[in-house]
């Protein structure tokens, strides 16, 4: 069991001014061509002052987003940190600017649950949480290896329990075994007073970051997908009246074997299927949908049709200073 992170409050006036300066510099250096999909939410991050993060959603509606923050390393070198090495070593100023940007981006997403990928350590998550209001809570899925980039769940709800599946042995399709490339993190959340009193969740969120295609191991990514499907299916059966969602950077497209394996059996619904061209990553001149949100089709809730949004900077392919767009969808609890 992992204790939730309770974030301290932070004054917003001076912080907002600093954020806008940082964001203006970062976003002015971006390049890309305009995109015009009707379901893309234009994320002009300079509009923070106009953002109402306390807006009341319809009763029982929960919004979930997935957001790859892109290589958020702390200020301690755990491997080798020379130019061109995998691990970056930011200055204290750059680290603080990145934490400010990630926190602002979470506020801009305005989701009840945000599934994060590519934070190196608890220090990185703590720096983000220190810049968010107290209603946000978080848990990190730390792998523990040097220079790992990990997953996390940030939620506007109480965290009852987190479970880790990183060490589960996964059979490979052609023999042998492997493990999840990063933590497959399960977090049980409570919104209602009844859920907090009974310690039974209202929502269970899974965040994944499957094996990348750098020095590709497609068999490992397929094994991750099969195992993730089985774990989520088991939890959804154990909690038939609880909303169960899974998402993250799965590093593969909808028609790929891993995504088809996730959908095999009909339990999981990929919610972006109703979005025209829902690409979240741009590579070699082509958009690819590799970040996903899926719903377990038990009795715990339904997807709100056409609620999925791809979140990008205005006229850009990605969100904030990430190389990925974010993805957001709404779900209706009974």
C-alpha atoms as a PDB file:
ATOM      1  CA  UNK A   1       0.000   0.000   0.000  1.00  0.00           C
ATOM      2  CA  UNK A   2       1.260   3.483  -0.829  1.00  0.00           C
ATOM      3  CA  UNK A   3       0.287   6.589   1.082  1.00  0.00           C
ATOM      4  CA  UNK A   4      -1.111   9.442  -1.058  1.00  0.00           C
ATOM      5  CA  UNK A   5       0.840  12.627  -1.514  1.00  0.00           C
ATOM      6  CA  UNK A   6      -0.988  15.602  -0.023  1.00  0.00           C
ATOM      7  CA  UNK A   7       0.102  18.743  -1.829  1.00  0.00           C
ATOM      8  CA  UNK A   8       0.552  22.021   0.056  1.00  0.00           C
ATOM      9  CA  UNK A   9      -1.231  25.085  -1.214  1.00  0.00           C
ATOM     10  CA  UNK A  10       0.686  27.740  -3.095  1.00  0.00           C
ATOM     11  CA  UNK A  11      -0.115  31.388  -3.880  1.00  0.00           C
ATOM     12  CA  UNK A  12      -1.086  31.728  -7.535  1.00  0.00           C
ATOM     13  CA  UNK A  13      -0.408  35.416  -8.339  1.00  0.00           C
ATOM     14  CA  UNK A  14       3.405  35.546  -8.631  1.00  0.00           C
ATOM     15  CA  UNK A  15       3.486  31.916  -9.738  1.00  0.00           C
ATOM     16  CA  UNK A  16       1.157  32.624 -12.644  1.00  0.00           C
ATOM     17  CA  UNK A  17       3.293  35.515 -13.875  1.00  0.00           C
ATOM     18  CA  UNK A  18       6.426  33.361 -13.797  1.00  0.00           C
ATOM     19  CA  UNK A  19       4.643  30.536 -15.590  1.00  0.00           C
ATOM     20  CA  UNK A  20       3.493  32.785 -18.393  1.00  0.00           C
ATOM     21  CA  UNK A  21       7.055  34.034 -18.944  1.00  0.00           C
ATOM     22  CA  UNK A  22       8.410  30.471 -19.013  1.00  0.00           C
ATOM     23  CA  UNK A  23       5.660  29.246 -21.300  1.00  0.00           C
ATOM     24  CA  UNK A  24       6.031  32.146 -23.713  1.00  0.00           C
ATOM     25  CA  UNK A  25       9.711  31.326 -24.131  1.00  0.00           C
ATOM     26  CA  UNK A  26       9.100  27.584 -24.511  1.00  0.00           C
ATOM     27  CA  UNK A  27       6.166  27.824 -26.870  1.00  0.00           C
ATOM     28  CA  UNK A  28       7.796  30.485 -29.059  1.00  0.00           C
ATOM     29  CA  UNK A  29      10.589  28.020 -29.844  1.00  0.00           C
ATOM     30  CA  UNK A  30       8.212  25.305 -31.072  1.00  0.00           C
ATOM     31  CA  UNK A  31       7.611  24.617 -34.737  1.00  0.00           C
ATOM     32  CA  UNK A  32       4.998  22.663 -36.641  1.00  0.00           C
ATOM     33  CA  UNK A  33       2.104  22.941 -39.039  1.00  0.00           C
ATOM     34  CA  UNK A  34      -1.479  23.840 -38.092  1.00  0.00           C
ATOM     35  CA  UNK A  35      -3.884  21.021 -37.335  1.00  0.00           C
ATOM     36  CA  UNK A  36      -7.612  21.278 -37.845  1.00  0.00           C
ATOM     37  CA  UNK A  37      -9.313  18.203 -36.440  1.00  0.00           C
ATOM     38  CA  UNK A  38     -12.749  19.109 -35.002  1.00  0.00           C
ATOM     39  CA  UNK A  39     -12.122  17.207 -31.755  1.00  0.00           C
ATOM     40  CA  UNK A  40      -8.835  18.919 -30.912  1.00  0.00           C
ATOM     41  CA  UNK A  41      -8.964  21.148 -27.828  1.00  0.00           C
ATOM     42  CA  UNK A  42      -6.699  24.136 -28.481  1.00  0.00           C
ATOM     43  CA  UNK A  43      -4.475  24.469 -25.439  1.00  0.00           C
ATOM     44  CA  UNK A  44      -3.316  28.085 -25.336  1.00  0.00           C
ATOM     45  CA  UNK A  45      -1.609  27.774 -21.980  1.00  0.00           C
ATOM     46  CA  UNK A  46      -1.367  31.562 -21.570  1.00  0.00           C
ATOM     47  CA  UNK A  47      -5.110  31.536 -20.864  1.00  0.00           C
ATOM     48  CA  UNK A  48      -4.638  30.121 -17.365  1.00  0.00           C
ATOM     49  CA  UNK A  49      -6.333  33.115 -15.721  1.00  0.00           C
ATOM     50  CA  UNK A  50      -9.504  32.370 -17.685  1.00  0.00           C
ATOM     51  CA  UNK A  51      -9.493  28.683 -16.767  1.00  0.00           C
ATOM     52  CA  UNK A  52     -12.162  27.673 -14.260  1.00  0.00           C
ATOM     53  CA  UNK A  53     -10.755  24.553 -12.633  1.00  0.00           C
ATOM     54  CA  UNK A  54     -13.579  24.572 -10.083  1.00  0.00           C
ATOM     55  CA  UNK A  55     -16.358  24.231 -12.654  1.00  0.00           C
ATOM     56  CA  UNK A  56     -18.995  21.748 -11.534  1.00  0.00           C
ATOM     57  CA  UNK A  57     -19.301  18.753 -13.919  1.00  0.00           C
ATOM     58  CA  UNK A  58     -22.564  16.864 -14.406  1.00  0.00           C
ATOM     59  CA  UNK A  59     -23.346  14.637 -11.395  1.00  0.00           C
ATOM     60  CA  UNK A  60     -21.347  11.415 -11.455  1.00  0.00           C
ATOM     61  CA  UNK A  61     -19.130  12.471 -14.365  1.00  0.00           C
ATOM     62  CA  UNK A  62     -15.386  11.789 -14.100  1.00  0.00           C
ATOM     63  CA  UNK A  63     -12.817  13.129 -16.558  1.00  0.00           C
ATOM     64  CA  UNK A  64      -9.548  11.287 -17.182  1.00  0.00           C
ATOM     65  CA  UNK A  65      -6.493  12.467 -19.120  1.00  0.00           C
ATOM     66  CA  UNK A  66      -3.189  10.899 -20.088  1.00  0.00           C
ATOM     67  CA  UNK A  67      -0.131  13.118 -20.477  1.00  0.00           C
ATOM     68  CA  UNK A  68       3.472  12.144 -21.253  1.00  0.00           C
ATOM     69  CA  UNK A  69       5.447  15.013 -19.693  1.00  0.00           C
ATOM     70  CA  UNK A  70       8.617  14.082 -21.670  1.00  0.00           C
ATOM     71  CA  UNK A  71      11.799  13.205 -19.783  1.00  0.00           C
ATOM     72  CA  UNK A  72      11.377  15.066 -16.503  1.00  0.00           C
ATOM     73  CA  UNK A  73      14.676  14.305 -14.755  1.00  0.00           C
ATOM     74  CA  UNK A  74      15.674  15.565 -11.319  1.00  0.00           C
ATOM     75  CA  UNK A  75      18.886  17.392 -10.426  1.00  0.00           C
ATOM     76  CA  UNK A  76      20.799  14.294  -9.253  1.00  0.00           C
ATOM     77  CA  UNK A  77      22.796  12.250 -11.771  1.00  0.00           C
ATOM     78  CA  UNK A  78      22.152   8.520 -11.257  1.00  0.00           C
ATOM     79  CA  UNK A  79      23.982   7.205 -14.327  1.00  0.00           C
ATOM     80  CA  UNK A  80      26.081   9.252 -16.757  1.00  0.00           C
ATOM     81  CA  UNK A  81      24.843  12.689 -17.694  1.00  0.00           C
ATOM     82  CA  UNK A  82      27.178  13.947 -20.392  1.00  0.00           C
ATOM     83  CA  UNK A  83      25.744  15.576 -23.534  1.00  0.00           C
ATOM     84  CA  UNK A  84      24.108  12.857 -25.631  1.00  0.00           C
ATOM     85  CA  UNK A  85      23.624  10.454 -22.700  1.00  0.00           C
ATOM     86  CA  UNK A  86      20.163   9.171 -21.879  1.00  0.00           C
ATOM     87  CA  UNK A  87      19.889  10.886 -18.493  1.00  0.00           C
ATOM     88  CA  UNK A  88      19.697  14.647 -18.557  1.00  0.00           C
ATOM     89  CA  UNK A  89      20.914  16.745 -15.625  1.00  0.00           C
ATOM     90  CA  UNK A  90      18.877  19.950 -15.460  1.00  0.00           C
ATOM     91  CA  UNK A  91      19.941  22.975 -13.480  1.00  0.00           C
ATOM     92  CA  UNK A  92      17.853  23.879 -10.447  1.00  0.00           C
ATOM     93  CA  UNK A  93      16.282  26.684 -12.478  1.00  0.00           C
ATOM     94  CA  UNK A  94      15.402  24.384 -15.386  1.00  0.00           C
ATOM     95  CA  UNK A  95      14.019  21.772 -12.978  1.00  0.00           C
ATOM     96  CA  UNK A  96      11.776  24.366 -11.325  1.00  0.00           C
ATOM     97  CA  UNK A  97      10.610  25.671 -14.697  1.00  0.00           C
ATOM     98  CA  UNK A  98       9.708  22.136 -15.813  1.00  0.00           C
ATOM     99  CA  UNK A  99       7.792  21.494 -12.574  1.00  0.00           C
ATOM    100  CA  UNK A 100       5.906  24.773 -13.038  1.00  0.00           C
ATOM    101  CA  UNK A 101       5.039  23.854 -16.612  1.00  0.00           C
ATOM    102  CA  UNK A 102       3.826  20.350 -15.747  1.00  0.00           C
ATOM    103  CA  UNK A 103       1.701  21.698 -12.879  1.00  0.00           C
ATOM    104  CA  UNK A 104       0.190  24.363 -15.115  1.00  0.00           C
ATOM    105  CA  UNK A 105      -0.490  21.768 -17.793  1.00  0.00           C
ATOM    106  CA  UNK A 106      -2.337  19.566 -15.275  1.00  0.00           C
ATOM    107  CA  UNK A 107      -4.479  22.568 -14.324  1.00  0.00           C
ATOM    108  CA  UNK A 108      -5.105  23.317 -17.984  1.00  0.00           C
ATOM    109  CA  UNK A 109      -6.214  19.739 -18.642  1.00  0.00           C
ATOM    110  CA  UNK A 110      -8.798  20.202 -15.869  1.00  0.00           C
ATOM    111  CA  UNK A 111      -9.286  16.449 -15.444  1.00  0.00           C
ATOM    112  CA  UNK A 112     -10.286  14.581 -12.297  1.00  0.00           C
ATOM    113  CA  UNK A 113      -7.607  11.958 -12.944  1.00  0.00           C
ATOM    114  CA  UNK A 114      -4.367  12.620 -14.853  1.00  0.00           C
ATOM    115  CA  UNK A 115      -2.184   9.672 -15.860  1.00  0.00           C
ATOM    116  CA  UNK A 116       1.419  10.854 -16.176  1.00  0.00           C
ATOM    117  CA  UNK A 117       4.424   9.276 -17.848  1.00  0.00           C
ATOM    118  CA  UNK A 118       8.174  10.048 -17.839  1.00  0.00           C
ATOM    119  CA  UNK A 119       8.888  11.489 -14.398  1.00  0.00           C
ATOM    120  CA  UNK A 120      12.197  10.234 -13.057  1.00  0.00           C
ATOM    121  CA  UNK A 121      11.735  10.257  -9.280  1.00  0.00           C
ATOM    122  CA  UNK A 122       9.545  11.225  -6.342  1.00  0.00           C
ATOM    123  CA  UNK A 123      11.431  14.529  -6.279  1.00  0.00           C
ATOM    124  CA  UNK A 124      10.021  15.416  -9.693  1.00  0.00           C
ATOM    125  CA  UNK A 125       6.480  14.493  -8.649  1.00  0.00           C
ATOM    126  CA  UNK A 126       6.847  16.351  -5.344  1.00  0.00           C
ATOM    127  CA  UNK A 127       7.930  19.489  -7.199  1.00  0.00           C
ATOM    128  CA  UNK A 128       4.804  19.308  -9.370  1.00  0.00           C
ATOM    129  CA  UNK A 129       2.489  18.626  -6.430  1.00  0.00           C
ATOM    130  CA  UNK A 130       3.892  21.568  -4.459  1.00  0.00           C
ATOM    131  CA  UNK A 131       2.556  23.789  -7.240  1.00  0.00           C
ATOM    132  CA  UNK A 132      -0.969  22.338  -7.270  1.00  0.00           C
ATOM    133  CA  UNK A 133      -3.883  23.027  -4.899  1.00  0.00           C
ATOM    134  CA  UNK A 134      -4.420  20.778  -1.882  1.00  0.00           C
ATOM    135  CA  UNK A 135      -7.345  18.961  -3.525  1.00  0.00           C
ATOM    136  CA  UNK A 136      -4.845  17.126  -5.765  1.00  0.00           C
ATOM    137  CA  UNK A 137      -3.242  13.879  -4.541  1.00  0.00           C
ATOM    138  CA  UNK A 138      -0.675  11.693  -6.279  1.00  0.00           C
ATOM    139  CA  UNK A 139       1.281   8.462  -6.239  1.00  0.00           C
ATOM    140  CA  UNK A 140       4.386   7.503  -8.247  1.00  0.00           C
ATOM    141  CA  UNK A 141       5.038   4.133  -9.841  1.00  0.00           C
ATOM    142  CA  UNK A 142       8.787   4.114  -9.230  1.00  0.00           C
ATOM    143  CA  UNK A 143      10.798   1.399 -10.977  1.00  0.00           C
ATOM    144  CA  UNK A 144      13.848   2.010  -8.813  1.00  0.00           C
ATOM    145  CA  UNK A 145      16.471   1.633 -11.526  1.00  0.00           C
ATOM    146  CA  UNK A 146      18.962   4.398 -12.319  1.00  0.00           C
ATOM    147  CA  UNK A 147      17.564   7.157 -14.558  1.00  0.00           C
ATOM    148  CA  UNK A 148      14.206   5.431 -14.983  1.00  0.00           C
ATOM    149  CA  UNK A 149      11.335   7.553 -16.223  1.00  0.00           C
ATOM    150  CA  UNK A 150       8.257   6.486 -14.328  1.00  0.00           C
ATOM    151  CA  UNK A 151       4.484   6.773 -14.291  1.00  0.00           C
ATOM    152  CA  UNK A 152       2.200   8.518 -11.808  1.00  0.00           C
ATOM    153  CA  UNK A 153      -1.454   9.178 -11.094  1.00  0.00           C
ATOM    154  CA  UNK A 154      -2.604  12.639 -10.017  1.00  0.00           C
ATOM    155  CA  UNK A 155      -6.233  12.933  -8.932  1.00  0.00           C
ATOM    156  CA  UNK A 156      -8.715  15.339  -7.397  1.00  0.00           C
ATOM    157  CA  UNK A 157      -9.779  12.561  -5.040  1.00  0.00           C
ATOM    158  CA  UNK A 158      -8.546  10.592  -2.064  1.00  0.00           C
ATOM    159  CA  UNK A 159      -6.129   7.787  -2.876  1.00  0.00           C
ATOM    160  CA  UNK A 160      -7.186   4.696  -0.952  1.00  0.00           C
ATOM    161  CA  UNK A 161      -4.621   2.220  -2.244  1.00  0.00           C
ATOM    162  CA  UNK A 162      -2.031   1.697  -4.954  1.00  0.00           C
ATOM    163  CA  UNK A 163      -0.870  -1.653  -6.328  1.00  0.00           C
ATOM    164  CA  UNK A 164       2.202  -2.331  -8.430  1.00  0.00           C
ATOM    165  CA  UNK A 165       2.507  -5.000 -11.121  1.00  0.00           C
ATOM    166  CA  UNK A 166       6.045  -4.305 -12.377  1.00  0.00           C
ATOM    167  CA  UNK A 167       7.465  -7.599 -11.110  1.00  0.00           C
ATOM    168  CA  UNK A 168       4.773  -9.832 -12.586  1.00  0.00           C
ATOM    169  CA  UNK A 169       6.275 -12.446 -14.906  1.00  0.00           C
ATOM    170  CA  UNK A 170       4.839 -12.096 -18.413  1.00  0.00           C
ATOM    171  CA  UNK A 171       5.036 -14.944 -20.936  1.00  0.00           C
ATOM    172  CA  UNK A 172       6.378 -13.946 -24.347  1.00  0.00           C
ATOM    173  CA  UNK A 173       4.388 -15.091 -27.414  1.00  0.00           C
ATOM    174  CA  UNK A 174       7.210 -17.322 -28.714  1.00  0.00           C
ATOM    175  CA  UNK A 175       8.525 -18.582 -25.389  1.00  0.00           C
ATOM    176  CA  UNK A 176      10.481 -17.111 -22.538  1.00  0.00           C
ATOM    177  CA  UNK A 177       9.313 -14.449 -20.139  1.00  0.00           C
ATOM    178  CA  UNK A 178       9.596 -10.737 -19.544  1.00  0.00           C
ATOM    179  CA  UNK A 179       8.194  -7.999 -17.268  1.00  0.00           C
ATOM    180  CA  UNK A 180       6.500  -4.659 -17.756  1.00  0.00           C
ATOM    181  CA  UNK A 181       8.996  -2.142 -19.134  1.00  0.00           C
ATOM    182  CA  UNK A 182       7.718   0.400 -16.607  1.00  0.00           C
ATOM    183  CA  UNK A 183       5.433   0.078 -13.635  1.00  0.00           C
ATOM    184  CA  UNK A 184       1.849  -0.869 -14.475  1.00  0.00           C
ATOM    185  CA  UNK A 185       0.334   1.169 -11.665  1.00  0.00           C
ATOM    186  CA  UNK A 186      -3.135   0.590 -10.226  1.00  0.00           C
ATOM    187  CA  UNK A 187      -4.640   3.335  -8.050  1.00  0.00           C
ATOM    188  CA  UNK A 188      -7.960   3.096  -6.191  1.00  0.00           C
ATOM    189  CA  UNK A 189      -9.703   6.438  -5.674  1.00  0.00           C
ATOM    190  CA  UNK A 190     -12.584   7.719  -3.550  1.00  0.00           C
ATOM    191  CA  UNK A 191     -14.739  10.773  -4.266  1.00  0.00           C
ATOM    192  CA  UNK A 192     -17.832  10.126  -2.139  1.00  0.00           C
ATOM    193  CA  UNK A 193     -18.054  10.174   1.639  1.00  0.00           C
ATOM    194  CA  UNK A 194     -19.413   6.610   1.526  1.00  0.00           C
ATOM    195  CA  UNK A 195     -16.355   5.436  -0.418  1.00  0.00           C
ATOM    196  CA  UNK A 196     -13.965   7.138   1.974  1.00  0.00           C
ATOM    197  CA  UNK A 197     -15.774   5.699   4.998  1.00  0.00           C
ATOM    198  CA  UNK A 198     -15.952   2.166   3.607  1.00  0.00           C
ATOM    199  CA  UNK A 199     -12.493   2.324   1.982  1.00  0.00           C
ATOM    200  CA  UNK A 200     -14.112   0.982  -1.189  1.00  0.00           C
ATOM    201  CA  UNK A 201     -13.205   2.908  -4.375  1.00  0.00           C
ATOM    202  CA  UNK A 202     -15.456   4.902  -6.688  1.00  0.00           C
ATOM    203  CA  UNK A 203     -12.873   4.743  -9.488  1.00  0.00           C
ATOM    204  CA  UNK A 204      -9.851   2.543 -10.220  1.00  0.00           C
ATOM    205  CA  UNK A 205      -7.253   3.961 -12.592  1.00  0.00           C
ATOM    206  CA  UNK A 206      -4.383   2.103 -14.261  1.00  0.00           C
ATOM    207  CA  UNK A 207      -1.504   3.950 -15.916  1.00  0.00           C
ATOM    208  CA  UNK A 208       0.857   2.245 -18.365  1.00  0.00           C
ATOM    209  CA  UNK A 209       3.928   3.124 -20.408  1.00  0.00           C
ATOM    210  CA  UNK A 210       4.633   0.155 -22.652  1.00  0.00           C
ATOM    211  CA  UNK A 211       8.000  -0.658 -24.237  1.00  0.00           C
ATOM    212  CA  UNK A 212       9.095   2.011 -26.716  1.00  0.00           C
ATOM    213  CA  UNK A 213      10.059   1.309 -30.308  1.00  0.00           C
ATOM    214  CA  UNK A 214      13.653   2.420 -29.770  1.00  0.00           C
ATOM    215  CA  UNK A 215      15.613  -0.851 -30.223  1.00  0.00           C
ATOM    216  CA  UNK A 216      12.152  -2.327 -30.597  1.00  0.00           C
ATOM    217  CA  UNK A 217      10.867  -5.413 -28.792  1.00  0.00           C
ATOM    218  CA  UNK A 218       7.350  -5.839 -30.226  1.00  0.00           C
ATOM    219  CA  UNK A 219       6.918  -9.211 -28.503  1.00  0.00           C
ATOM    220  CA  UNK A 220       7.475  -7.555 -25.130  1.00  0.00           C
ATOM    221  CA  UNK A 221       4.924  -4.838 -25.885  1.00  0.00           C
ATOM    222  CA  UNK A 222       2.415  -7.524 -26.876  1.00  0.00           C
ATOM    223  CA  UNK A 223       3.101  -9.428 -23.646  1.00  0.00           C
ATOM    224  CA  UNK A 224       2.532  -6.203 -21.690  1.00  0.00           C
ATOM    225  CA  UNK A 225      -0.806  -5.665 -23.427  1.00  0.00           C
ATOM    226  CA  UNK A 226      -2.026  -9.211 -22.749  1.00  0.00           C
ATOM    227  CA  UNK A 227      -1.021  -8.973 -19.089  1.00  0.00           C
ATOM    228  CA  UNK A 228      -2.569  -5.521 -18.694  1.00  0.00           C
ATOM    229  CA  UNK A 229      -5.845  -6.780 -20.177  1.00  0.00           C
ATOM    230  CA  UNK A 230      -5.914  -9.735 -17.793  1.00  0.00           C
ATOM    231  CA  UNK A 231      -5.096  -7.607 -14.728  1.00  0.00           C
ATOM    232  CA  UNK A 232      -7.720  -4.993 -15.577  1.00  0.00           C
ATOM    233  CA  UNK A 233     -10.283  -7.709 -16.335  1.00  0.00           C
ATOM    234  CA  UNK A 234      -9.674  -9.330 -12.962  1.00  0.00           C
ATOM    235  CA  UNK A 235     -10.029  -6.049 -11.084  1.00  0.00           C
ATOM    236  CA  UNK A 236     -13.155  -5.075 -13.032  1.00  0.00           C
ATOM    237  CA  UNK A 237     -14.708  -8.435 -12.129  1.00  0.00           C
ATOM    238  CA  UNK A 238     -13.758  -7.959  -8.462  1.00  0.00           C
ATOM    239  CA  UNK A 239     -15.332  -4.472  -8.469  1.00  0.00           C
ATOM    240  CA  UNK A 240     -18.260  -4.758 -10.900  1.00  0.00           C
ATOM    241  CA  UNK A 241     -19.850  -1.474  -9.776  1.00  0.00           C
ATOM    242  CA  UNK A 242     -16.664   0.613  -9.886  1.00  0.00           C
ATOM    243  CA  UNK A 243     -15.516   2.726 -12.840  1.00  0.00           C
ATOM    244  CA  UNK A 244     -12.265   1.140 -14.103  1.00  0.00           C
ATOM    245  CA  UNK A 245     -10.122   3.000 -16.635  1.00  0.00           C
ATOM    246  CA  UNK A 246      -6.667   2.329 -18.076  1.00  0.00           C
ATOM    247  CA  UNK A 247      -4.489   4.615 -20.138  1.00  0.00           C
ATOM    248  CA  UNK A 248      -1.079   5.964 -20.952  1.00  0.00           C
ATOM    249  CA  UNK A 249       1.621   5.983 -23.596  1.00  0.00           C
ATOM    250  CA  UNK A 250       1.209   2.493 -25.068  1.00  0.00           C
ATOM    251  CA  UNK A 251       3.671   3.151 -27.902  1.00  0.00           C
ATOM    252  CA  UNK A 252       1.518   1.527 -30.559  1.00  0.00           C
ATOM    253  CA  UNK A 253      -1.370   2.373 -32.862  1.00  0.00           C
ATOM    254  CA  UNK A 254      -4.977   1.098 -32.769  1.00  0.00           C
ATOM    255  CA  UNK A 255      -4.543  -1.601 -35.429  1.00  0.00           C
ATOM    256  CA  UNK A 256      -1.357  -3.028 -33.852  1.00  0.00           C
ATOM    257  CA  UNK A 257      -1.206  -6.468 -32.170  1.00  0.00           C
ATOM    258  CA  UNK A 258      -0.837  -4.952 -28.654  1.00  0.00           C
ATOM    259  CA  UNK A 259      -3.915  -2.762 -29.017  1.00  0.00           C
ATOM    260  CA  UNK A 260      -5.911  -5.584 -30.574  1.00  0.00           C
ATOM    261  CA  UNK A 261      -4.836  -7.808 -27.678  1.00  0.00           C
ATOM    262  CA  UNK A 262      -6.095  -5.242 -25.170  1.00  0.00           C
ATOM    263  CA  UNK A 263      -9.490  -5.243 -26.878  1.00  0.00           C
ATOM    264  CA  UNK A 264      -9.670  -9.023 -27.278  1.00  0.00           C
ATOM    265  CA  UNK A 265     -12.633 -10.484 -25.422  1.00  0.00           C
ATOM    266  CA  UNK A 266     -14.626  -7.269 -25.599  1.00  0.00           C
ATOM    267  CA  UNK A 267     -14.116  -6.098 -22.015  1.00  0.00           C
ATOM    268  CA  UNK A 268     -12.148  -2.941 -22.843  1.00  0.00           C
ATOM    269  CA  UNK A 269     -13.402  -0.055 -24.958  1.00  0.00           C
ATOM    270  CA  UNK A 270     -10.867   2.270 -26.618  1.00  0.00           C
ATOM    271  CA  UNK A 271     -12.631   5.586 -26.193  1.00  0.00           C
ATOM    272  CA  UNK A 272     -10.854   7.609 -28.905  1.00  0.00           C
ATOM    273  CA  UNK A 273     -12.387   5.424 -31.605  1.00  0.00           C
ATOM    274  CA  UNK A 274     -14.967   8.182 -32.235  1.00  0.00           C
ATOM    275  CA  UNK A 275     -12.352  10.907 -32.789  1.00  0.00           C
ATOM    276  CA  UNK A 276     -11.248  11.708 -36.365  1.00  0.00           C
ATOM    277  CA  UNK A 277      -7.462  11.309 -36.671  1.00  0.00           C
ATOM    278  CA  UNK A 278      -6.732  11.209 -32.929  1.00  0.00           C
ATOM    279  CA  UNK A 279      -2.952  11.236 -33.315  1.00  0.00           C
ATOM    280  CA  UNK A 280      -0.940  12.068 -30.199  1.00  0.00           C
ATOM    281  CA  UNK A 281       2.582  11.748 -31.608  1.00  0.00           C
ATOM    282  CA  UNK A 282       4.136  13.029 -34.816  1.00  0.00           C
ATOM    283  CA  UNK A 283       6.957  10.999 -36.392  1.00  0.00           C
ATOM    284  CA  UNK A 284       8.545  11.200 -39.837  1.00  0.00           C
ATOM    285  CA  UNK A 285       5.851  13.551 -41.039  1.00  0.00           C
ATOM    286  CA  UNK A 286       2.949  11.376 -39.924  1.00  0.00           C
ATOM    287  CA  UNK A 287       0.637  11.517 -36.936  1.00  0.00           C
ATOM    288  CA  UNK A 288       0.277   8.364 -34.827  1.00  0.00           C
ATOM    289  CA  UNK A 289      -2.272   7.562 -32.123  1.00  0.00           C
ATOM    290  CA  UNK A 290      -0.058   5.931 -29.485  1.00  0.00           C
ATOM    291  CA  UNK A 291      -1.540   7.420 -26.287  1.00  0.00           C
ATOM    292  CA  UNK A 292      -4.787   5.753 -25.294  1.00  0.00           C
ATOM    293  CA  UNK A 293      -7.648   5.689 -22.788  1.00  0.00           C
ATOM    294  CA  UNK A 294      -9.748   2.558 -22.315  1.00  0.00           C
ATOM    295  CA  UNK A 295     -12.807   1.753 -20.213  1.00  0.00           C
ATOM    296  CA  UNK A 296     -13.611  -1.593 -18.625  1.00  0.00           C
ATOM    297  CA  UNK A 297     -17.163  -2.469 -19.660  1.00  0.00           C
ATOM    298  CA  UNK A 298     -18.477  -3.657 -16.299  1.00  0.00           C
ATOM    299  CA  UNK A 299     -21.384  -1.989 -14.454  1.00  0.00           C
ATOM    300  CA  UNK A 300     -19.235   0.791 -13.015  1.00  0.00           C
ATOM    301  CA  UNK A 301     -19.836   3.439 -15.646  1.00  0.00           C
ATOM    302  CA  UNK A 302     -20.027   4.413 -19.295  1.00  0.00           C
ATOM    303  CA  UNK A 303     -18.020   6.470 -21.735  1.00  0.00           C
ATOM    304  CA  UNK A 304     -19.616   9.816 -22.554  1.00  0.00           C
ATOM    305  CA  UNK A 305     -19.889   9.652 -26.377  1.00  0.00           C
ATOM    306  CA  UNK A 306     -17.782  12.137 -28.356  1.00  0.00           C
ATOM    307  CA  UNK A 307     -16.169  13.493 -25.176  1.00  0.00           C
ATOM    308  CA  UNK A 308     -12.606  12.497 -26.136  1.00  0.00           C
ATOM    309  CA  UNK A 309     -10.341  15.451 -26.886  1.00  0.00           C
ATOM    310  CA  UNK A 310      -6.794  15.546 -28.190  1.00  0.00           C
ATOM    311  CA  UNK A 311      -5.061  18.399 -26.352  1.00  0.00           C
ATOM    312  CA  UNK A 312      -2.291  20.232 -28.209  1.00  0.00           C
ATOM    313  CA  UNK A 313      -0.723  23.657 -28.191  1.00  0.00           C
ATOM    314  CA  UNK A 314      -2.337  25.960 -30.721  1.00  0.00           C
ATOM    315  CA  UNK A 315      -0.995  25.173 -34.210  1.00  0.00           C
ATOM    316  CA  UNK A 316       1.324  22.485 -32.863  1.00  0.00           C
ATOM    317  CA  UNK A 317       1.386  18.697 -32.700  1.00  0.00           C
ATOM    318  CA  UNK A 318       2.176  18.331 -28.990  1.00  0.00           C
ATOM    319  CA  UNK A 319       1.120  19.648 -25.582  1.00  0.00           C
ATOM    320  CA  UNK A 320       3.212  21.991 -23.394  1.00  0.00           C
ATOM    321  CA  UNK A 321       6.896  21.137 -24.068  1.00  0.00           C
ATOM    322  CA  UNK A 322       6.240  17.409 -24.497  1.00  0.00           C
ATOM    323  CA  UNK A 323       6.698  15.489 -27.732  1.00  0.00           C
ATOM    324  CA  UNK A 324       3.200  14.020 -27.208  1.00  0.00           C
ATOM    325  CA  UNK A 325      -0.269  15.502 -27.250  1.00  0.00           C
ATOM    326  CA  UNK A 326      -2.451  14.774 -24.238  1.00  0.00           C
ATOM    327  CA  UNK A 327      -5.717  12.843 -24.442  1.00  0.00           C
ATOM    328  CA  UNK A 328      -8.809  13.494 -22.317  1.00  0.00           C
ATOM    329  CA  UNK A 329     -12.232  11.836 -22.036  1.00  0.00           C
ATOM    330  CA  UNK A 330     -15.291  11.856 -19.795  1.00  0.00           C
ATOM    331  CA  UNK A 331     -16.976   8.900 -18.107  1.00  0.00           C
ATOM    332  CA  UNK A 332     -20.367   8.683 -16.406  1.00  0.00           C
ATOM    333  CA  UNK A 333     -20.698   6.742 -13.175  1.00  0.00           C
ATOM    334  CA  UNK A 334     -24.105   5.250 -12.331  1.00  0.00           C
END
